[in-house]
Structures are given as C-alpha cells and as structure tokens.
Amino acid sequence: MNPTSQHHEGKPPLKRDQRHQVQSKETEGSAKSETNANARKSSEQSLSQYTTDTMITGLLKAKLMADSMIPFNAISVETNDGIVKLTGYLESQQQMAQAEKIARAIKGVKVVENQLHLKS
C-alpha cells in the first residue's frame, strides 16, 4: 500500500495535505507537552529554591538573634538563589565579621554579600 492510499478502517483515505496537517498537529501536541513539562519542572525548581531561601533567611535570623555580640535588629537579611545579602549598621568591625561568619556557616549559602556598615 503506498502512502497516498493509506486509510483507517471505515474512513476514507487522507489526501497528502490532510496527512501533513495531522502530522503537524501531532508534532505541535508533542512540543506543547514538552513545554508544559519544562514549565512544571521550572516551577517546581523555583518553589524549591524559594523554600530553601526562606529557610536560609529564617535560620540566619535565628542565629544572629542568638549571638550576644550582634544587635539583631540592626541587620537586614535577604536571600535569593542561595545568595545572602546582609545590610545595616553595626558598632564594630568584629560585629560585621561575626555576622558574615554566621551566614557563611549555613548550609545552602552560596555567597554572602556583606553590605554592612559601621555606625558613624
């Protein structure tokens, strides 16, 4: 049987341009399915990273609060994709170094951006 005369039981044979349309729709469906799967995976990764960032921020804030050397309310903490940004004003270089040391010790922290300043 040649390709131009293929047909399914009870259905008339498809013409050449009709077969092409069916194949195009099948290809589009497959591409959409792959795109949806990639979007789900990306969304799951984003949610997972958001959760990790939230956990890092919470743990770091708790550790800073527990450290008697650091006035906790003087430091702001932001975490995005494992990158921790510390901002605020402290009394000494030792406090600044201690805050950074605590942040670096937390699992999941990739980079610490220390934007702490000394009070003048």
PDB file of N, CA and C in Angstrom:
ATOM      1  N   MET A   1       0.858  -1.174   0.000  1.00  0.00           N
ATOM      2  CA  MET A   1       0.000   0.000   0.000  1.00  0.00           C
ATOM      3  C   MET A   1       0.897   1.228   0.000  1.00  0.00           C
ATOM      4  N   ASN A   2       0.676   2.179  -0.894  1.00  0.00           N
ATOM      5  CA  ASN A   2       1.515   3.372  -0.926  1.00  0.00           C
ATOM      6  C   ASN A   2       0.965   4.426   0.026  1.00  0.00           C
ATOM      7  N   PRO A   3       1.818   5.412   0.440  1.00  0.00           N
ATOM      8  CA  PRO A   3       1.397   6.380   1.450  1.00  0.00           C
ATOM      9  C   PRO A   3       0.171   7.191   1.076  1.00  0.00           C
ATOM     10  N   THR A   4      -0.057   7.427  -0.216  1.00  0.00           N
ATOM     11  CA  THR A   4      -1.202   8.259  -0.588  1.00  0.00           C
ATOM     12  C   THR A   4      -2.511   7.507  -0.463  1.00  0.00           C
ATOM     13  N   SER A   5      -2.445   6.162  -0.368  1.00  0.00           N
ATOM     14  CA  SER A   5      -3.701   5.429  -0.286  1.00  0.00           C
ATOM     15  C   SER A   5      -3.946   4.865   1.110  1.00  0.00           C
ATOM     16  N   GLN A   6      -3.121   5.238   2.108  1.00  0.00           N
ATOM     17  CA  GLN A   6      -3.327   4.741   3.468  1.00  0.00           C
ATOM     18  C   GLN A   6      -4.638   5.259   4.022  1.00  0.00           C
ATOM     19  N   HIS A   7      -5.347   4.399   4.720  1.00  0.00           N
ATOM     20  CA  HIS A   7      -6.554   4.842   5.399  1.00  0.00           C
ATOM     21  C   HIS A   7      -6.857   3.900   6.557  1.00  0.00           C
ATOM     22  N   HIS A   8      -7.632   4.407   7.484  1.00  0.00           N
ATOM     23  CA  HIS A   8      -8.041   3.602   8.631  1.00  0.00           C
ATOM     24  C   HIS A   8      -9.366   2.944   8.296  1.00  0.00           C
ATOM     25  N   GLU A   9      -9.689   1.885   9.014  1.00  0.00           N
ATOM     26  CA  GLU A   9     -10.935   1.165   8.743  1.00  0.00           C
ATOM     27  C   GLU A   9     -12.140   2.096   8.811  1.00  0.00           C
ATOM     28  N   GLY A  10     -12.951   2.067   7.802  1.00  0.00           N
ATOM     29  CA  GLY A  10     -14.189   2.822   7.788  1.00  0.00           C
ATOM     30  C   GLY A  10     -14.014   4.297   7.467  1.00  0.00           C
ATOM     31  N   LYS A  11     -12.804   4.749   7.282  1.00  0.00           N
ATOM     32  CA  LYS A  11     -12.568   6.158   6.979  1.00  0.00           C
ATOM     33  C   LYS A  11     -11.960   6.266   5.591  1.00  0.00           C
ATOM     34  N   PRO A  12     -12.333   7.307   4.871  1.00  0.00           N
ATOM     35  CA  PRO A  12     -11.744   7.475   3.541  1.00  0.00           C
ATOM     36  C   PRO A  12     -10.266   7.826   3.668  1.00  0.00           C
ATOM     37  N   PRO A  13      -9.470   7.523   2.670  1.00  0.00           N
ATOM     38  CA  PRO A  13      -8.040   7.834   2.746  1.00  0.00           C
ATOM     39  C   PRO A  13      -7.811   9.349   2.832  1.00  0.00           C
ATOM     40  N   LEU A  14      -6.772   9.714   3.546  1.00  0.00           N
ATOM     41  CA  LEU A  14      -6.427  11.126   3.657  1.00  0.00           C
ATOM     42  C   LEU A  14      -5.654  11.567   2.439  1.00  0.00           C
ATOM     43  N   LYS A  15      -5.916  12.772   2.017  1.00  0.00           N
ATOM     44  CA  LYS A  15      -5.140  13.339   0.936  1.00  0.00           C
ATOM     45  C   LYS A  15      -3.805  13.781   1.497  1.00  0.00           C
ATOM     46  N   ARG A  16      -2.861  14.012   0.626  1.00  0.00           N
ATOM     47  CA  ARG A  16      -1.499  14.350   1.026  1.00  0.00           C
ATOM     48  C   ARG A  16      -1.463  15.545   1.982  1.00  0.00           C
ATOM     49  N   ASP A  17      -2.150  16.647   1.689  1.00  0.00           N
ATOM     50  CA  ASP A  17      -2.120  17.836   2.548  1.00  0.00           C
ATOM     51  C   ASP A  17      -2.837  17.576   3.872  1.00  0.00           C
ATOM     52  N   GLN A  18      -3.828  16.713   3.889  1.00  0.00           N
ATOM     53  CA  GLN A  18      -4.516  16.371   5.140  1.00  0.00           C
ATOM     54  C   GLN A  18      -3.584  15.581   6.057  1.00  0.00           C
ATOM     55  N   ARG A  19      -2.806  14.633   5.461  1.00  0.00           N
ATOM     56  CA  ARG A  19      -1.843  13.860   6.264  1.00  0.00           C
ATOM     57  C   ARG A  19      -0.818  14.793   6.885  1.00  0.00           C
ATOM     58  N   HIS A  20      -0.369  15.779   6.127  1.00  0.00           N
ATOM     59  CA  HIS A  20       0.610  16.743   6.627  1.00  0.00           C
ATOM     60  C   HIS A  20       0.031  17.532   7.802  1.00  0.00           C
ATOM     61  N   GLN A  21      -1.244  17.932   7.702  1.00  0.00           N
ATOM     62  CA  GLN A  21      -1.893  18.664   8.795  1.00  0.00           C
ATOM     63  C   GLN A  21      -1.976  17.806  10.046  1.00  0.00           C
ATOM     64  N   VAL A  22      -2.312  16.532   9.896  1.00  0.00           N
ATOM     65  CA  VAL A  22      -2.393  15.626  11.043  1.00  0.00           C
ATOM     66  C   VAL A  22      -1.018  15.476  11.680  1.00  0.00           C
ATOM     67  N   GLN A  23       0.028  15.292  10.870  1.00  0.00           N
ATOM     68  CA  GLN A  23       1.383  15.155  11.394  1.00  0.00           C
ATOM     69  C   GLN A  23       1.821  16.438  12.090  1.00  0.00           C
ATOM     70  N   SER A  24       1.481  17.602  11.523  1.00  0.00           N
ATOM     71  CA  SER A  24       1.834  18.882  12.131  1.00  0.00           C
ATOM     72  C   SER A  24       1.173  19.028  13.488  1.00  0.00           C
ATOM     73  N   LYS A  25      -0.095  18.648  13.598  1.00  0.00           N
ATOM     74  CA  LYS A  25      -0.808  18.753  14.871  1.00  0.00           C
ATOM     75  C   LYS A  25      -0.208  17.805  15.907  1.00  0.00           C
ATOM     76  N   GLU A  26       0.194  16.613  15.456  1.00  0.00           N
ATOM     77  CA  GLU A  26       0.825  15.670  16.381  1.00  0.00           C
ATOM     78  C   GLU A  26       2.147  16.247  16.883  1.00  0.00           C
ATOM     79  N   THR A  27       2.922  16.861  15.996  1.00  0.00           N
ATOM     80  CA  THR A  27       4.197  17.471  16.373  1.00  0.00           C
ATOM     81  C   THR A  27       3.961  18.642  17.318  1.00  0.00           C
ATOM     82  N   GLU A  28       2.958  19.471  17.035  1.00  0.00           N
ATOM     83  CA  GLU A  28       2.622  20.598  17.913  1.00  0.00           C
ATOM     84  C   GLU A  28       2.226  20.098  19.290  1.00  0.00           C
ATOM     85  N   GLY A  29       1.413  19.040  19.331  1.00  0.00           N
ATOM     86  CA  GLY A  29       0.983  18.472  20.608  1.00  0.00           C
ATOM     87  C   GLY A  29       2.166  17.972  21.411  1.00  0.00           C
ATOM     88  N   SER A  30       3.102  17.331  20.741  1.00  0.00           N
ATOM     89  CA  SER A  30       4.295  16.828  21.413  1.00  0.00           C
ATOM     90  C   SER A  30       5.142  17.979  21.946  1.00  0.00           C
ATOM     91  N   ALA A  31       5.281  19.041  21.165  1.00  0.00           N
ATOM     92  CA  ALA A  31       6.063  20.212  21.589  1.00  0.00           C
ATOM     93  C   ALA A  31       5.391  20.897  22.774  1.00  0.00           C
ATOM     94  N   LYS A  32       4.053  21.013  22.739  1.00  0.00           N
ATOM     95  CA  LYS A  32       3.329  21.636  23.852  1.00  0.00           C
ATOM     96  C   LYS A  32       3.498  20.812  25.115  1.00  0.00           C
ATOM     97  N   SER A  33       3.433  19.492  24.963  1.00  0.00           N
ATOM     98  CA  SER A  33       3.593  18.596  26.105  1.00  0.00           C
ATOM     99  C   SER A  33       4.980  18.783  26.728  1.00  0.00           C
ATOM    100  N   GLU A  34       5.998  18.864  25.893  1.00  0.00           N
ATOM    101  CA  GLU A  34       7.368  19.060  26.377  1.00  0.00           C
ATOM    102  C   GLU A  34       7.515  20.427  27.042  1.00  0.00           C
ATOM    103  N   THR A  35       6.910  21.456  26.464  1.00  0.00           N
ATOM    104  CA  THR A  35       6.952  22.800  27.037  1.00  0.00           C
ATOM    105  C   THR A  35       6.265  22.817  28.397  1.00  0.00           C
ATOM    106  N   ASN A  36       5.101  22.168  28.503  1.00  0.00           N
ATOM    107  CA  ASN A  36       4.387  22.091  29.780  1.00  0.00           C
ATOM    108  C   ASN A  36       5.210  21.356  30.825  1.00  0.00           C
ATOM    109  N   ALA A  37       5.870  20.280  30.436  1.00  0.00           N
ATOM    110  CA  ALA A  37       6.707  19.519  31.373  1.00  0.00           C
ATOM    111  C   ALA A  37       7.876  20.380  31.846  1.00  0.00           C
ATOM    112  N   ASN A  38       8.480  21.119  30.923  1.00  0.00           N
ATOM    113  CA  ASN A  38       9.590  22.013  31.298  1.00  0.00           C
ATOM    114  C   ASN A  38       9.112  23.123  32.215  1.00  0.00           C
ATOM    115  N   ALA A  39       7.930  23.662  31.962  1.00  0.00           N
ATOM    116  CA  ALA A  39       7.378  24.729  32.804  1.00  0.00           C
ATOM    117  C   ALA A  39       7.104  24.196  34.206  1.00  0.00           C
ATOM    118  N   ARG A  40       6.546  22.983  34.289  1.00  0.00           N
ATOM    119  CA  ARG A  40       6.296  22.370  35.608  1.00  0.00           C
ATOM    120  C   ARG A  40       7.601  22.167  36.357  1.00  0.00           C
ATOM    121  N   LYS A  41       8.608  21.647  35.659  1.00  0.00           N
ATOM    122  CA  LYS A  41       9.913  21.396  36.286  1.00  0.00           C
ATOM    123  C   LYS A  41      10.514  22.703  36.774  1.00  0.00           C
ATOM    124  N   SER A  42      10.454  23.736  35.946  1.00  0.00           N
ATOM    125  CA  SER A  42      10.987  25.049  36.318  1.00  0.00           C
ATOM    126  C   SER A  42      10.238  25.616  37.517  1.00  0.00           C
ATOM    127  N   SER A  43       8.919  25.458  37.519  1.00  0.00           N
ATOM    128  CA  SER A  43       8.098  25.942  38.617  1.00  0.00           C
ATOM    129  C   SER A  43       8.436  25.205  39.906  1.00  0.00           C
ATOM    130  N   GLU A  44       8.621  23.889  39.806  1.00  0.00           N
ATOM    131  CA  GLU A  44       8.989  23.101  40.979  1.00  0.00           C
ATOM    132  C   GLU A  44      10.358  23.521  41.499  1.00  0.00           C
ATOM    133  N   GLN A  45      11.312  23.775  40.582  1.00  0.00           N
ATOM    134  CA  GLN A  45      12.637  24.219  40.991  1.00  0.00           C
ATOM    135  C   GLN A  45      12.548  25.595  41.646  1.00  0.00           C
ATOM    136  N   SER A  46      11.740  26.481  41.094  1.00  0.00           N
ATOM    137  CA  SER A  46      11.577  27.809  41.665  1.00  0.00           C
ATOM    138  C   SER A  46      10.993  27.726  43.066  1.00  0.00           C
ATOM    139  N   LEU A  47       9.985  26.889  43.235  1.00  0.00           N
ATOM    140  CA  LEU A  47       9.371  26.717  44.549  1.00  0.00           C
ATOM    141  C   LEU A  47      10.369  26.128  45.527  1.00  0.00           C
ATOM    142  N   SER A  48      11.128  25.152  45.064  1.00  0.00           N
ATOM    143  CA  SER A  48      12.140  24.524  45.915  1.00  0.00           C
ATOM    144  C   SER A  48      13.197  25.545  46.328  1.00  0.00           C
ATOM    145  N   GLN A  49      13.661  26.373  45.380  1.00  0.00           N
ATOM    146  CA  GLN A  49      14.672  27.379  45.700  1.00  0.00           C
ATOM    147  C   GLN A  49      14.096  28.438  46.627  1.00  0.00           C
ATOM    148  N   TYR A  50      12.841  28.831  46.398  1.00  0.00           N
ATOM    149  CA  TYR A  50      12.187  29.807  47.270  1.00  0.00           C
ATOM    150  C   TYR A  50      12.128  29.271  48.697  1.00  0.00           C
ATOM    151  N   THR A  51      11.759  27.998  48.818  1.00  0.00           N
ATOM    152  CA  THR A  51      11.684  27.366  50.135  1.00  0.00           C
ATOM    153  C   THR A  51      13.057  27.330  50.785  1.00  0.00           C
ATOM    154  N   THR A  52      14.075  26.965  50.015  1.00  0.00           N
ATOM    155  CA  THR A  52      15.443  26.927  50.544  1.00  0.00           C
ATOM    156  C   THR A  52      15.874  28.319  50.978  1.00  0.00           C
ATOM    157  N   ASP A  53      15.625  29.327  50.160  1.00  0.00           N
ATOM    158  CA  ASP A  53      15.992  30.705  50.505  1.00  0.00           C
ATOM    159  C   ASP A  53      15.288  31.160  51.778  1.00  0.00           C
ATOM    160  N   THR A  54      14.014  30.812  51.900  1.00  0.00           N
ATOM    161  CA  THR A  54      13.249  31.187  53.090  1.00  0.00           C
ATOM    162  C   THR A  54      13.828  30.511  54.332  1.00  0.00           C
ATOM    163  N   MET A  55      14.202  29.250  54.189  1.00  0.00           N
ATOM    164  CA  MET A  55      14.790  28.526  55.322  1.00  0.00           C
ATOM    165  C   MET A  55      16.143  29.130  55.716  1.00  0.00           C
ATOM    166  N   ILE A  56      16.956  29.469  54.720  1.00  0.00           N
ATOM    167  CA  ILE A  56      18.256  30.089  54.998  1.00  0.00           C
ATOM    168  C   ILE A  56      18.053  31.402  55.754  1.00  0.00           C
ATOM    169  N   THR A  57      17.154  32.240  55.252  1.00  0.00           N
ATOM    170  CA  THR A  57      16.894  33.538  55.890  1.00  0.00           C
ATOM    171  C   THR A  57      16.419  33.347  57.334  1.00  0.00           C
ATOM    172  N   GLY A  58      15.479  32.449  57.535  1.00  0.00           N
ATOM    173  CA  GLY A  58      14.954  32.207  58.881  1.00  0.00           C
ATOM    174  C   GLY A  58      16.014  31.693  59.834  1.00  0.00           C
ATOM    175  N   LEU A  59      16.808  30.736  59.368  1.00  0.00           N
ATOM    176  CA  LEU A  59      17.860  30.165  60.208  1.00  0.00           C
ATOM    177  C   LEU A  59      18.919  31.215  60.537  1.00  0.00           C
ATOM    178  N   LEU A  60      19.292  32.000  59.537  1.00  0.00           N
ATOM    179  CA  LEU A  60      20.300  33.042  59.766  1.00  0.00           C
ATOM    180  C   LEU A  60      19.786  34.075  60.767  1.00  0.00           C
ATOM    181  N   LYS A  61      18.558  34.499  60.623  1.00  0.00           N
ATOM    182  CA  LYS A  61      17.995  35.471  61.569  1.00  0.00           C
ATOM    183  C   LYS A  61      17.980  34.896  62.990  1.00  0.00           C
ATOM    184  N   ALA A  62      17.634  33.622  63.122  1.00  0.00           N
ATOM    185  CA  ALA A  62      17.619  32.979  64.443  1.00  0.00           C
ATOM    186  C   ALA A  62      19.029  32.927  65.038  1.00  0.00           C
ATOM    187  N   LYS A  63      20.020  32.603  64.208  1.00  0.00           N
ATOM    188  CA  LYS A  63      21.404  32.525  64.697  1.00  0.00           C
ATOM    189  C   LYS A  63      21.937  33.908  65.060  1.00  0.00           C
ATOM    190  N   LEU A  64      21.581  34.921  64.279  1.00  0.00           N
ATOM    191  CA  LEU A  64      22.011  36.286  64.603  1.00  0.00           C
ATOM    192  C   LEU A  64      21.369  36.745  65.911  1.00  0.00           C
ATOM    193  N   MET A  65      20.104  36.393  66.099  1.00  0.00           N
ATOM    194  CA  MET A  65      19.399  36.774  67.314  1.00  0.00           C
ATOM    195  C   MET A  65      20.033  36.094  68.541  1.00  0.00           C
ATOM    196  N   ALA A  66      20.492  34.857  68.350  1.00  0.00           N
ATOM    197  CA  ALA A  66      21.072  34.096  69.461  1.00  0.00           C
ATOM    198  C   ALA A  66      22.498  34.539  69.801  1.00  0.00           C
ATOM    199  N   ASP A  67      23.144  35.257  68.890  1.00  0.00           N
ATOM    200  CA  ASP A  67      24.523  35.697  69.127  1.00  0.00           C
ATOM    201  C   ASP A  67      24.522  36.980  69.948  1.00  0.00           C
ATOM    202  N   SER A  68      25.137  36.913  71.118  1.00  0.00           N
ATOM    203  CA  SER A  68      25.127  38.072  72.033  1.00  0.00           C
ATOM    204  C   SER A  68      25.967  39.241  71.518  1.00  0.00           C
ATOM    205  N   MET A  69      26.851  38.992  70.577  1.00  0.00           N
ATOM    206  CA  MET A  69      27.727  40.044  70.065  1.00  0.00           C
ATOM    207  C   MET A  69      26.999  40.975  69.085  1.00  0.00           C
ATOM    208  N   ILE A  70      25.954  40.465  68.459  1.00  0.00           N
ATOM    209  CA  ILE A  70      25.313  41.197  67.365  1.00  0.00           C
ATOM    210  C   ILE A  70      23.939  41.712  67.777  1.00  0.00           C
ATOM    211  N   PRO A  71      23.708  43.024  67.617  1.00  0.00           N
ATOM    212  CA  PRO A  71      22.352  43.551  67.843  1.00  0.00           C
ATOM    213  C   PRO A  71      21.473  43.146  66.651  1.00  0.00           C
ATOM    214  N   PHE A  72      20.647  42.167  66.869  1.00  0.00           N
ATOM    215  CA  PHE A  72      19.868  41.550  65.787  1.00  0.00           C
ATOM    216  C   PHE A  72      19.077  42.560  64.958  1.00  0.00           C
ATOM    217  N   ASN A  73      18.436  43.503  65.606  1.00  0.00           N
ATOM    218  CA  ASN A  73      17.564  44.440  64.877  1.00  0.00           C
ATOM    219  C   ASN A  73      18.345  45.403  63.981  1.00  0.00           C
ATOM    220  N   ALA A  74      19.676  45.349  64.023  1.00  0.00           N
ATOM    221  CA  ALA A  74      20.487  46.244  63.201  1.00  0.00           C
ATOM    222  C   ALA A  74      20.805  45.656  61.828  1.00  0.00           C
ATOM    223  N   ILE A  75      20.440  44.397  61.596  1.00  0.00           N
ATOM    224  CA  ILE A  75      20.802  43.723  60.346  1.00  0.00           C
ATOM    225  C   ILE A  75      19.558  43.264  59.595  1.00  0.00           C
ATOM    226  N   SER A  76      19.547  43.549  58.295  1.00  0.00           N
ATOM    227  CA  SER A  76      18.510  43.018  57.407  1.00  0.00           C
ATOM    228  C   SER A  76      19.128  41.884  56.601  1.00  0.00           C
ATOM    229  N   VAL A  77      18.340  40.835  56.385  1.00  0.00           N
ATOM    230  CA  VAL A  77      18.811  39.657  55.652  1.00  0.00           C
ATOM    231  C   VAL A  77      17.881  39.399  54.480  1.00  0.00           C
ATOM    232  N   GLU A  78      18.468  39.240  53.307  1.00  0.00           N
ATOM    233  CA  GLU A  78      17.722  38.837  52.106  1.00  0.00           C
ATOM    234  C   GLU A  78      18.457  37.673  51.485  1.00  0.00           C
ATOM    235  N   THR A  79      17.710  36.673  51.026  1.00  0.00           N
ATOM    236  CA  THR A  79      18.326  35.523  50.352  1.00  0.00           C
ATOM    237  C   THR A  79      17.621  35.301  49.030  1.00  0.00           C
ATOM    238  N   ASN A  80      18.415  35.166  47.982  1.00  0.00           N
ATOM    239  CA  ASN A  80      17.870  34.910  46.651  1.00  0.00           C
ATOM    240  C   ASN A  80      18.807  33.942  45.940  1.00  0.00           C
ATOM    241  N   ASP A  81      18.295  32.756  45.644  1.00  0.00           N
ATOM    242  CA  ASP A  81      19.061  31.723  44.945  1.00  0.00           C
ATOM    243  C   ASP A  81      20.342  31.360  45.698  1.00  0.00           C
ATOM    244  N   GLY A  82      20.259  31.321  47.030  1.00  0.00           N
ATOM    245  CA  GLY A  82      21.405  30.946  47.857  1.00  0.00           C
ATOM    246  C   GLY A  82      22.390  32.073  48.110  1.00  0.00           C
ATOM    247  N   ILE A  83      22.094  33.246  47.570  1.00  0.00           N
ATOM    248  CA  ILE A  83      22.961  34.416  47.782  1.00  0.00           C
ATOM    249  C   ILE A  83      22.350  35.247  48.901  1.00  0.00           C
ATOM    250  N   VAL A  84      23.112  35.381  49.995  1.00  0.00           N
ATOM    251  CA  VAL A  84      22.631  36.103  51.169  1.00  0.00           C
ATOM    252  C   VAL A  84      23.190  37.515  51.142  1.00  0.00           C
ATOM    253  N   LYS A  85      22.297  38.485  51.311  1.00  0.00           N
ATOM    254  CA  LYS A  85      22.727  39.888  51.383  1.00  0.00           C
ATOM    255  C   LYS A  85      22.442  40.404  52.787  1.00  0.00           C
ATOM    256  N   LEU A  86      23.508  40.869  53.451  1.00  0.00           N
ATOM    257  CA  LEU A  86      23.397  41.458  54.782  1.00  0.00           C
ATOM    258  C   LEU A  86      23.513  42.965  54.643  1.00  0.00           C
ATOM    259  N   THR A  87      22.566  43.703  55.193  1.00  0.00           N
ATOM    260  CA  THR A  87      22.624  45.159  55.168  1.00  0.00           C
ATOM    261  C   THR A  87      22.330  45.696  56.562  1.00  0.00           C
ATOM    262  N   GLY A  88      22.854  46.859  56.833  1.00  0.00           N
ATOM    263  CA  GLY A  88      22.583  47.503  58.107  1.00  0.00           C
ATOM    264  C   GLY A  88      23.816  48.206  58.653  1.00  0.00           C
ATOM    265  N   TYR A  89      23.689  48.711  59.876  1.00  0.00           N
ATOM    266  CA  TYR A  89      24.767  49.453  60.524  1.00  0.00           C
ATOM    267  C   TYR A  89      25.083  48.815  61.869  1.00  0.00           C
ATOM    268  N   LEU A  90      26.362  48.563  62.095  1.00  0.00           N
ATOM    269  CA  LEU A  90      26.810  47.948  63.342  1.00  0.00           C
ATOM    270  C   LEU A  90      27.850  48.833  64.021  1.00  0.00           C
ATOM    271  N   GLU A  91      28.151  48.495  65.267  1.00  0.00           N
ATOM    272  CA  GLU A  91      29.067  49.289  66.091  1.00  0.00           C
ATOM    273  C   GLU A  91      30.537  48.996  65.807  1.00  0.00           C
ATOM    274  N   SER A  92      30.866  47.768  65.336  1.00  0.00           N
ATOM    275  CA  SER A  92      32.280  47.417  65.194  1.00  0.00           C
ATOM    276  C   SER A  92      32.540  46.493  64.006  1.00  0.00           C
ATOM    277  N   GLN A  93      33.797  46.449  63.616  1.00  0.00           N
ATOM    278  CA  GLN A  93      34.240  45.531  62.553  1.00  0.00           C
ATOM    279  C   GLN A  93      34.028  44.081  63.002  1.00  0.00           C
ATOM    280  N   GLN A  94      34.220  43.826  64.318  1.00  0.00           N
ATOM    281  CA  GLN A  94      34.056  42.473  64.850  1.00  0.00           C
ATOM    282  C   GLN A  94      32.610  41.995  64.669  1.00  0.00           C
ATOM    283  N   GLN A  95      31.654  42.872  64.900  1.00  0.00           N
ATOM    284  CA  GLN A  95      30.252  42.514  64.703  1.00  0.00           C
ATOM    285  C   GLN A  95      29.978  42.200  63.229  1.00  0.00           C
ATOM    286  N   MET A  96      30.541  42.997  62.360  1.00  0.00           N
ATOM    287  CA  MET A  96      30.353  42.789  60.921  1.00  0.00           C
ATOM    288  C   MET A  96      30.942  41.441  60.498  1.00  0.00           C
ATOM    289  N   ALA A  97      32.153  41.149  60.972  1.00  0.00           N
ATOM    290  CA  ALA A  97      32.820  39.887  60.636  1.00  0.00           C
ATOM    291  C   ALA A  97      32.043  38.692  61.208  1.00  0.00           C
ATOM    292  N   GLN A  98      31.531  38.839  62.429  1.00  0.00           N
ATOM    293  CA  GLN A  98      30.774  37.762  63.069  1.00  0.00           C
ATOM    294  C   GLN A  98      29.485  37.468  62.305  1.00  0.00           C
ATOM    295  N   ALA A  99      28.786  38.490  61.880  1.00  0.00           N
ATOM    296  CA  ALA A  99      27.546  38.301  61.115  1.00  0.00           C
ATOM    297  C   ALA A  99      27.841  37.557  59.808  1.00  0.00           C
ATOM    298  N   GLU A 100      28.897  37.947  59.142  1.00  0.00           N
ATOM    299  CA  GLU A 100      29.261  37.285  57.886  1.00  0.00           C
ATOM    300  C   GLU A 100      29.668  35.836  58.141  1.00  0.00           C
ATOM    301  N   LYS A 101      30.421  35.599  59.206  1.00  0.00           N
ATOM    302  CA  LYS A 101      30.861  34.242  59.553  1.00  0.00           C
ATOM    303  C   LYS A 101      29.653  33.337  59.805  1.00  0.00           C
ATOM    304  N   ILE A 102      28.682  33.836  60.539  1.00  0.00           N
ATOM    305  CA  ILE A 102      27.467  33.057  60.825  1.00  0.00           C
ATOM    306  C   ILE A 102      26.737  32.734  59.516  1.00  0.00           C
ATOM    307  N   ALA A 103      26.616  33.707  58.640  1.00  0.00           N
ATOM    308  CA  ALA A 103      25.917  33.498  57.364  1.00  0.00           C
ATOM    309  C   ALA A 103      26.634  32.451  56.511  1.00  0.00           C
ATOM    310  N   ARG A 104      27.948  32.529  56.430  1.00  0.00           N
ATOM    311  CA  ARG A 104      28.714  31.582  55.597  1.00  0.00           C
ATOM    312  C   ARG A 104      28.614  30.143  56.110  1.00  0.00           C
ATOM    313  N   ALA A 105      28.372  29.969  57.398  1.00  0.00           N
ATOM    314  CA  ALA A 105      28.326  28.628  58.001  1.00  0.00           C
ATOM    315  C   ALA A 105      27.012  27.890  57.741  1.00  0.00           C
ATOM    316  N   ILE A 106      26.031  28.568  57.190  1.00  0.00           N
ATOM    317  CA  ILE A 106      24.722  27.944  56.971  1.00  0.00           C
ATOM    318  C   ILE A 106      24.718  27.155  55.666  1.00  0.00           C
ATOM    319  N   LYS A 107      24.247  25.916  55.776  1.00  0.00           N
ATOM    320  CA  LYS A 107      24.162  25.040  54.602  1.00  0.00           C
ATOM    321  C   LYS A 107      23.225  25.648  53.563  1.00  0.00           C
ATOM    322  N   GLY A 108      23.667  25.640  52.319  1.00  0.00           N
ATOM    323  CA  GLY A 108      22.845  26.170  51.227  1.00  0.00           C
ATOM    324  C   GLY A 108      23.240  27.575  50.813  1.00  0.00           C
ATOM    325  N   VAL A 109      24.058  28.247  51.642  1.00  0.00           N
ATOM    326  CA  VAL A 109      24.510  29.593  51.300  1.00  0.00           C
ATOM    327  C   VAL A 109      25.645  29.467  50.287  1.00  0.00           C
ATOM    328  N   LYS A 110      25.460  30.099  49.132  1.00  0.00           N
ATOM    329  CA  LYS A 110      26.476  30.061  48.073  1.00  0.00           C
ATOM    330  C   LYS A 110      27.428  31.241  48.193  1.00  0.00           C
ATOM    331  N   VAL A 111      26.860  32.412  48.453  1.00  0.00           N
ATOM    332  CA  VAL A 111      27.637  33.650  48.510  1.00  0.00           C
ATOM    333  C   VAL A 111      27.045  34.535  49.594  1.00  0.00           C
ATOM    334  N   VAL A 112      27.917  35.274  50.292  1.00  0.00           N
ATOM    335  CA  VAL A 112      27.444  36.271  51.250  1.00  0.00           C
ATOM    336  C   VAL A 112      27.874  37.638  50.733  1.00  0.00           C
ATOM    337  N   GLU A 113      26.899  38.489  50.472  1.00  0.00           N
ATOM    338  CA  GLU A 113      27.178  39.880  50.093  1.00  0.00           C
ATOM    339  C   GLU A 113      27.078  40.700  51.374  1.00  0.00           C
ATOM    340  N   ASN A 114      28.227  41.053  51.914  1.00  0.00           N
ATOM    341  CA  ASN A 114      28.275  41.790  53.165  1.00  0.00           C
ATOM    342  C   ASN A 114      28.219  43.285  52.847  1.00  0.00           C
ATOM    343  N   GLN A 115      27.055  43.865  53.028  1.00  0.00           N
ATOM    344  CA  GLN A 115      26.869  45.304  52.785  1.00  0.00           C
ATOM    345  C   GLN A 115      26.607  46.010  54.119  1.00  0.00           C
ATOM    346  N   LEU A 116      27.217  45.459  55.165  1.00  0.00           N
ATOM    347  CA  LEU A 116      27.103  46.073  56.491  1.00  0.00           C
ATOM    348  C   LEU A 116      28.051  47.271  56.577  1.00  0.00           C
ATOM    349  N   HIS A 117      27.664  48.265  57.360  1.00  0.00           N
ATOM    350  CA  HIS A 117      28.476  49.478  57.533  1.00  0.00           C
ATOM    351  C   HIS A 117      28.646  49.768  59.007  1.00  0.00           C
ATOM    352  N   LEU A 118      29.690  50.516  59.305  1.00  0.00           N
ATOM    353  CA  LEU A 118      29.903  50.968  60.686  1.00  0.00           C
ATOM    354  C   LEU A 118      29.058  52.220  60.935  1.00  0.00           C
ATOM    355  N   LYS A 119      28.489  52.276  62.125  1.00  0.00           N
ATOM    356  CA  LYS A 119      27.768  53.485  62.501  1.00  0.00           C
ATOM    357  C   LYS A 119      28.782  54.602  62.672  1.00  0.00           C
ATOM    358  N   SER A 120      28.387  55.795  62.287  1.00  0.00           N
ATOM    359  CA  SER A 120      29.330  56.911  62.459  1.00  0.00           C
ATOM    360  C   SER A 120      28.966  57.763  63.634  1.00  0.00           C
TER     361      SER A 120
END
